[in-house]
Each structure stands twice: as structure tokens, then as C-alpha cells.
Amino acid sequence: MGVLESQDPEVAAIIEHEANRQRGGIELIASENLMSRAVMEAGVLMVCVINRILF
């Protein structure tokens, strides 16, 4: 049992479900839009959060 699963089983289950969904198929989204600066900053923040959880 991981730390996230013991601290917040609901969030851990949601993340596991999404990981399984992504492993099971491919989604192709046709788009020519660029990410907004806010979305890019949120992505950087998520990397920091993930690194904090894993390490």
C-alpha cells in the first residue's frame, strides 16, 4: 500500500482508474491550438507535486 493510498484512498483510486484507462487505449485529438500560459504553468506545478509525492 502506497502513501497516497493510505492517506487518501479515493484520490488514489481515481488516479489508478485514469492510469488504467490510458494504458487501455489511445485518444487522438485533432487540434492546432496552443496551450495557454496558465495551462503550461499548471503542468509545471503538477510535475513539482508529483515529484514531491514520489520522492
Protein backbone atom coordinates (compact mmCIF):
# COMPACT_ATOMS: atom_id res chain seq x y z
CA MET A 1 0.00 0.00 0.00
CA GLY A 2 1.44 3.36 -1.01
CA VAL A 3 1.43 6.55 0.98
CA LEU A 4 -1.20 8.20 -1.22
CA GLU A 5 -3.45 5.15 -0.98
CA SER A 6 -3.21 5.11 2.81
CA GLN A 7 -3.69 8.89 3.14
CA ASP A 8 -6.42 9.36 0.53
CA PRO A 9 -7.78 6.12 -0.94
CA GLU A 10 -10.38 7.94 -3.03
CA VAL A 11 -7.77 10.06 -4.87
CA ALA A 12 -5.51 7.01 -5.25
CA ALA A 13 -8.39 5.06 -6.83
CA ILE A 14 -9.18 7.91 -9.22
CA ILE A 15 -5.54 8.12 -10.32
CA GLU A 16 -5.30 4.33 -10.74
CA HIS A 17 -8.52 4.29 -12.78
CA GLU A 18 -7.18 7.02 -15.07
CA ALA A 19 -3.83 5.24 -15.48
CA ASN A 20 -5.64 2.04 -16.47
CA ARG A 21 -7.83 3.96 -18.91
CA GLN A 22 -4.78 5.48 -20.56
CA ARG A 23 -3.00 2.11 -20.78
CA GLY A 24 -6.05 0.54 -22.42
CA GLY A 25 -6.42 2.82 -25.41
CA ILE A 26 -5.32 5.82 -27.36
CA GLU A 27 -7.07 9.12 -27.81
CA LEU A 28 -6.26 11.28 -30.77
CA ILE A 29 -7.42 14.86 -30.53
CA ALA A 30 -7.08 16.96 -33.65
CA SER A 31 -6.10 20.44 -32.61
CA GLU A 32 -3.99 23.30 -33.75
CA ASN A 33 -4.44 25.27 -30.56
CA LEU A 34 -1.51 26.16 -28.38
CA MET A 35 -1.67 25.77 -24.63
CA SER A 36 -2.31 28.91 -22.69
CA ARG A 37 0.38 30.15 -20.35
CA ALA A 38 -1.83 29.23 -17.37
CA VAL A 39 -2.12 25.63 -18.56
CA MET A 40 1.64 25.38 -19.05
CA GLU A 41 2.25 26.78 -15.56
CA ALA A 42 -0.24 24.30 -14.09
CA GLY A 43 1.67 21.49 -15.83
CA VAL A 44 4.92 22.62 -14.23
CA LEU A 45 3.19 22.77 -10.86
CA MET A 46 1.88 19.22 -11.31
CA VAL A 47 5.40 17.96 -12.02
CA CYS A 48 6.51 19.53 -8.74
CA VAL A 49 3.60 17.92 -6.89
CA ILE A 50 4.29 14.52 -8.46
CA ASN A 51 7.98 14.78 -7.61
CA ARG A 52 7.04 15.69 -4.03
CA ILE A 53 4.75 12.64 -3.79
CA LEU A 54 7.22 10.21 -5.35
CA PHE A 55 10.42 11.46 -3.82
